[in-house]
N, C-alpha and C. Protein backbone atom coordinates (compact mmCIF):
# COMPACT_ATOMS: atom_id res chain seq x y z
N MET A 1 18.22 -20.55 -13.46
CA MET A 1 17.21 -19.40 -13.19
C MET A 1 16.64 -18.83 -14.32
N SER A 2 15.22 -19.18 -14.60
CA SER A 2 14.68 -18.37 -15.68
C SER A 2 14.14 -17.15 -15.48
N GLN A 3 14.05 -16.40 -16.51
CA GLN A 3 13.69 -15.05 -16.49
C GLN A 3 12.16 -14.81 -16.92
N ARG A 4 11.56 -14.13 -16.07
CA ARG A 4 10.39 -13.81 -16.51
C ARG A 4 10.04 -13.01 -17.81
N PRO A 5 9.01 -13.38 -18.61
CA PRO A 5 8.93 -12.67 -19.93
C PRO A 5 8.72 -11.01 -19.77
N MET A 6 9.31 -10.35 -20.51
CA MET A 6 9.37 -8.99 -20.60
C MET A 6 8.76 -8.41 -21.63
N ARG A 7 7.78 -7.42 -21.41
CA ARG A 7 7.35 -6.57 -22.60
C ARG A 7 7.74 -5.02 -22.52
N ASN A 8 8.10 -4.67 -23.65
CA ASN A 8 8.63 -3.23 -23.78
C ASN A 8 7.42 -2.38 -23.73
N PHE A 9 7.68 -1.06 -23.22
CA PHE A 9 6.78 -0.02 -22.93
C PHE A 9 7.46 1.27 -23.20
N HIS A 10 7.03 2.01 -24.21
CA HIS A 10 7.65 3.21 -24.50
C HIS A 10 7.23 4.21 -23.39
N LEU A 11 7.97 5.12 -22.84
CA LEU A 11 7.17 5.93 -21.84
C LEU A 11 8.12 7.23 -21.99
N PRO A 12 7.66 8.16 -22.78
CA PRO A 12 8.19 9.76 -22.84
C PRO A 12 8.16 10.24 -21.47
N LEU A 13 9.29 10.74 -21.05
CA LEU A 13 9.23 11.55 -19.78
C LEU A 13 9.57 12.99 -20.02
N PRO A 14 9.00 13.99 -19.03
CA PRO A 14 9.54 15.29 -19.19
C PRO A 14 10.98 15.27 -18.81
N GLU A 15 11.75 16.18 -19.43
CA GLU A 15 13.17 16.40 -19.30
C GLU A 15 13.57 16.37 -17.86
N GLY A 16 12.79 17.21 -16.96
CA GLY A 16 13.17 17.37 -15.45
C GLY A 16 13.21 15.72 -14.85
N LEU A 17 11.86 15.20 -14.98
CA LEU A 17 11.73 13.86 -14.49
C LEU A 17 13.03 12.63 -14.92
N TYR A 18 13.46 12.70 -16.22
CA TYR A 18 14.08 11.92 -16.86
C TYR A 18 15.57 12.25 -16.04
N GLU A 19 15.83 13.55 -15.98
CA GLU A 19 17.19 13.78 -15.33
C GLU A 19 17.23 13.30 -14.07
N ARG A 20 16.35 13.59 -13.38
CA ARG A 20 16.18 13.18 -11.75
C ARG A 20 16.28 11.51 -11.85
N LEU A 21 15.65 10.98 -12.78
CA LEU A 21 15.70 9.32 -12.63
C LEU A 21 17.20 8.84 -13.00
N LYS A 22 17.68 9.46 -14.03
CA LYS A 22 19.23 9.29 -14.59
C LYS A 22 20.08 9.62 -13.17
N VAL A 23 19.96 10.56 -12.64
CA VAL A 23 20.77 10.94 -11.49
C VAL A 23 20.69 10.07 -10.27
N GLN A 24 19.48 9.63 -10.00
CA GLN A 24 19.19 8.42 -9.08
C GLN A 24 19.71 7.23 -9.44
N ALA A 25 19.66 6.79 -10.73
CA ALA A 25 20.15 5.57 -11.37
C ALA A 25 21.54 5.59 -11.26
N GLU A 26 22.34 6.73 -11.31
CA GLU A 26 23.63 6.74 -11.28
C GLU A 26 24.17 6.60 -9.73
N ARG A 27 23.45 7.14 -9.09
CA ARG A 27 23.74 7.11 -7.41
C ARG A 27 23.54 5.75 -6.82
N ALA A 28 22.46 5.11 -7.44
CA ALA A 28 22.38 3.63 -7.01
C ALA A 28 23.16 2.53 -7.84
N ARG A 29 23.79 3.15 -8.88
CA ARG A 29 24.55 2.42 -9.52
C ARG A 29 23.84 1.13 -10.26
N ARG A 30 22.55 1.48 -10.56
CA ARG A 30 21.59 0.58 -11.31
C ARG A 30 20.99 1.06 -12.61
N PRO A 31 20.38 0.39 -13.37
CA PRO A 31 19.81 0.86 -14.84
C PRO A 31 18.70 1.84 -14.11
N ALA A 32 18.41 2.97 -14.95
CA ALA A 32 17.28 3.60 -14.89
C ALA A 32 16.08 2.84 -15.06
N THR A 33 16.06 1.94 -16.11
CA THR A 33 14.73 1.15 -16.32
C THR A 33 14.49 0.36 -15.14
N ALA A 34 15.47 -0.33 -14.54
CA ALA A 34 15.11 -1.18 -13.27
C ALA A 34 14.33 -0.19 -12.14
N LEU A 35 14.96 1.11 -11.98
CA LEU A 35 14.43 1.98 -10.86
C LEU A 35 12.93 2.20 -11.35
N ALA A 36 12.77 2.54 -12.78
CA ALA A 36 11.54 3.00 -13.00
C ALA A 36 10.52 1.80 -12.74
N ARG A 37 10.96 0.69 -13.31
CA ARG A 37 10.11 -0.64 -13.32
C ARG A 37 9.71 -0.82 -11.69
N GLU A 38 10.71 -0.69 -10.66
CA GLU A 38 10.49 -0.89 -9.24
C GLU A 38 9.30 0.16 -9.01
N ALA A 39 9.58 1.42 -9.34
CA ALA A 39 8.68 2.51 -8.83
C ALA A 39 7.27 2.28 -9.43
N ILE A 40 7.15 1.83 -10.65
CA ILE A 40 5.90 1.49 -11.27
C ILE A 40 5.20 0.33 -10.47
N ASP A 41 5.95 -0.52 -10.26
CA ASP A 41 5.35 -1.80 -9.50
C ASP A 41 4.81 -1.51 -8.07
N ARG A 42 5.84 -0.56 -7.52
CA ARG A 42 5.17 -0.15 -5.87
C ARG A 42 4.10 0.65 -5.98
N TRP A 43 3.86 1.47 -6.97
CA TRP A 43 2.87 2.37 -7.19
C TRP A 43 1.43 1.60 -7.53
N LEU A 44 1.69 0.50 -8.32
CA LEU A 44 0.30 -0.25 -8.63
C LEU A 44 0.10 -1.06 -7.40
N ALA A 45 1.10 -1.47 -6.65
CA ALA A 45 0.64 -2.35 -5.52
C ALA A 45 0.01 -1.44 -4.50
N ASP A 46 0.43 -0.20 -4.26
CA ASP A 46 -0.22 0.85 -3.46
C ASP A 46 -1.70 1.14 -3.99
N ALA A 47 -1.82 1.48 -5.29
CA ALA A 47 -3.18 1.53 -5.55
C ALA A 47 -4.05 0.46 -5.63
N GLN A 48 -3.60 -0.86 -5.75
CA GLN A 48 -4.40 -2.07 -5.53
C GLN A 48 -4.92 -1.99 -3.79
N ARG A 49 -3.88 -1.81 -2.97
CA ARG A 49 -4.11 -1.74 -1.43
C ARG A 49 -5.16 -0.72 -1.28
N ALA A 50 -5.21 0.56 -2.08
CA ALA A 50 -6.12 1.62 -1.59
C ALA A 50 -7.54 1.26 -2.18
N ALA A 51 -7.35 0.42 -3.33
CA ALA A 51 -8.89 -0.06 -3.97
C ALA A 51 -9.54 -1.18 -3.25
N ILE A 52 -8.65 -1.97 -2.69
CA ILE A 52 -9.28 -3.03 -1.82
C ILE A 52 -9.82 -2.39 -0.46
N HIS A 53 -9.01 -1.31 0.25
CA HIS A 53 -9.43 -0.80 1.24
C HIS A 53 -10.85 -0.12 1.04
N GLU A 54 -10.82 0.61 -0.20
CA GLU A 54 -12.00 1.47 -0.34
C GLU A 54 -13.24 0.26 -0.71
N GLU A 55 -13.23 -0.64 -1.19
CA GLU A 55 -14.05 -1.86 -1.39
C GLU A 55 -14.55 -2.27 -0.05
N ILE A 56 -13.52 -2.59 0.82
CA ILE A 56 -13.99 -3.22 1.99
C ILE A 56 -15.01 -2.12 2.66
N GLY A 57 -14.45 -0.98 2.88
CA GLY A 57 -15.23 0.20 3.31
C GLY A 57 -16.73 0.24 3.05
N HIS A 58 -16.78 0.21 1.44
CA HIS A 58 -18.07 0.31 1.01
C HIS A 58 -18.95 -1.12 1.29
N TYR A 59 -18.17 -2.15 1.29
CA TYR A 59 -18.96 -3.44 1.84
C TYR A 59 -19.47 -3.30 3.27
N ALA A 60 -18.52 -2.83 4.12
CA ALA A 60 -18.94 -2.72 5.57
C ALA A 60 -19.93 -1.57 5.77
N LYS A 61 -20.01 -0.48 4.96
CA LYS A 61 -21.11 0.41 5.07
C LYS A 61 -22.43 -0.39 4.55
N ALA A 62 -22.36 -1.05 3.58
CA ALA A 62 -23.56 -1.66 2.93
C ALA A 62 -24.09 -2.83 3.90
N VAL A 63 -23.22 -3.53 4.69
CA VAL A 63 -23.86 -4.38 5.52
C VAL A 63 -23.88 -4.27 6.96
N ALA A 64 -23.67 -2.92 7.26
CA ALA A 64 -23.74 -2.39 8.60
C ALA A 64 -25.28 -2.64 9.29
N GLY A 65 -25.26 -3.32 10.44
CA GLY A 65 -26.39 -3.51 11.04
C GLY A 65 -27.02 -4.81 10.59
N SER A 66 -26.66 -5.41 9.53
CA SER A 66 -27.19 -6.57 8.91
C SER A 66 -26.69 -7.93 9.64
N ALA A 67 -27.33 -8.83 9.21
CA ALA A 67 -26.81 -10.27 9.88
C ALA A 67 -25.30 -10.37 9.20
N ALA A 68 -24.80 -9.87 8.24
CA ALA A 68 -23.56 -10.06 7.77
C ALA A 68 -22.47 -9.02 8.38
N ASP A 69 -23.04 -8.09 9.24
CA ASP A 69 -22.07 -7.16 10.04
C ASP A 69 -21.51 -8.00 11.05
N LEU A 70 -20.44 -7.37 11.82
CA LEU A 70 -19.42 -8.11 12.67
C LEU A 70 -20.21 -8.50 13.80
N ASP A 71 -19.82 -9.83 14.28
CA ASP A 71 -20.18 -10.28 15.50
C ASP A 71 -20.16 -9.51 16.58
N PRO A 72 -21.36 -9.17 17.38
CA PRO A 72 -21.04 -8.28 18.58
C PRO A 72 -20.26 -8.65 19.47
N ALA A 73 -20.08 -10.09 19.77
CA ALA A 73 -19.09 -10.44 20.86
C ALA A 73 -17.46 -10.21 20.30
N LEU A 74 -17.45 -10.46 19.07
CA LEU A 74 -15.90 -10.21 18.57
C LEU A 74 -15.78 -8.86 18.44
N GLU A 75 -16.71 -7.96 18.12
CA GLU A 75 -16.51 -6.47 17.90
C GLU A 75 -16.13 -5.97 19.48
N ALA A 76 -16.92 -6.44 20.36
CA ALA A 76 -16.56 -6.11 21.68
C ALA A 76 -15.07 -6.38 22.37
N SER A 77 -14.81 -7.63 21.77
CA SER A 77 -13.56 -8.22 22.21
C SER A 77 -12.32 -7.23 21.58
N GLY A 78 -12.53 -7.08 20.34
CA GLY A 78 -11.77 -6.06 19.50
C GLY A 78 -11.69 -4.64 20.24
N ILE A 79 -12.75 -4.12 20.44
CA ILE A 79 -12.48 -2.82 21.23
C ILE A 79 -11.88 -2.88 22.50
N GLU A 80 -12.11 -3.79 23.61
CA GLU A 80 -11.30 -3.96 24.70
C GLU A 80 -9.86 -4.31 24.49
N HIS A 81 -9.76 -5.13 23.25
CA HIS A 81 -8.20 -5.04 22.98
C HIS A 81 -7.54 -3.88 22.59
N LEU A 82 -8.31 -2.97 21.94
CA LEU A 82 -7.72 -1.73 21.34
C LEU A 82 -7.53 -0.72 22.61
N ARG A 83 -8.57 -0.75 23.57
CA ARG A 83 -8.46 0.00 24.74
C ARG A 83 -7.27 -0.42 25.57
N GLY A 84 -7.04 -1.71 25.65
CA GLY A 84 -5.83 -2.10 26.54
C GLY A 84 -4.50 -1.61 25.59
N ILE A 85 -4.43 -1.72 24.41
CA ILE A 85 -3.37 -1.17 23.56
C ILE A 85 -2.95 0.32 23.84
N SER A 86 -4.43 1.19 23.80
CA SER A 86 -4.01 2.75 24.00
C SER A 86 -3.63 3.01 25.53
N LYS A 87 -4.08 2.31 26.48
CA LYS A 87 -3.73 2.41 27.92
C LYS A 87 -2.18 2.24 28.10
N GLY A 88 -1.77 0.96 27.44
CA GLY A 88 -0.32 0.64 27.56
C GLY A 88 0.50 1.83 26.72
N ARG A 89 0.09 2.28 25.75
CA ARG A 89 0.95 3.46 25.09
C ARG A 89 1.05 4.80 25.95
N LYS A 90 -0.22 5.02 26.67
CA LYS A 90 -0.27 6.31 27.58
C LYS A 90 0.74 6.01 28.64
N ARG A 91 0.86 4.81 29.40
CA ARG A 91 1.79 4.69 30.43
C ARG A 91 3.27 4.65 30.00
N ALA A 92 3.48 4.07 28.72
CA ALA A 92 4.83 4.40 28.17
C ALA A 92 5.45 5.47 27.85
N ARG A 93 4.43 6.62 27.63
CA ARG A 93 4.74 7.95 27.41
C ARG A 93 5.04 8.64 28.54
N LYS A 94 4.57 8.43 29.73
CA LYS A 94 4.89 9.06 30.91
C LYS A 94 6.25 8.87 31.46
């Protein structure tokens, strides 16, 4: 199994954050660097999802009502589907 190439990144941390990371690493019995790497990776993935969501929103607003807008039959079908889900949830709560 080959390892991916790694690059070093010096990241000064405030004392409190460093201590919290160190405590969590001890609890998890894992290196603090591994926890930090995973947290950064997760944050970057979340940021990318948010950026894509925002871009889709801008695109949808830009093409609303144009030929590139959602097909009316498909949109109606989706609305009916969502209404069916909503009714099913209301019944399940009773």
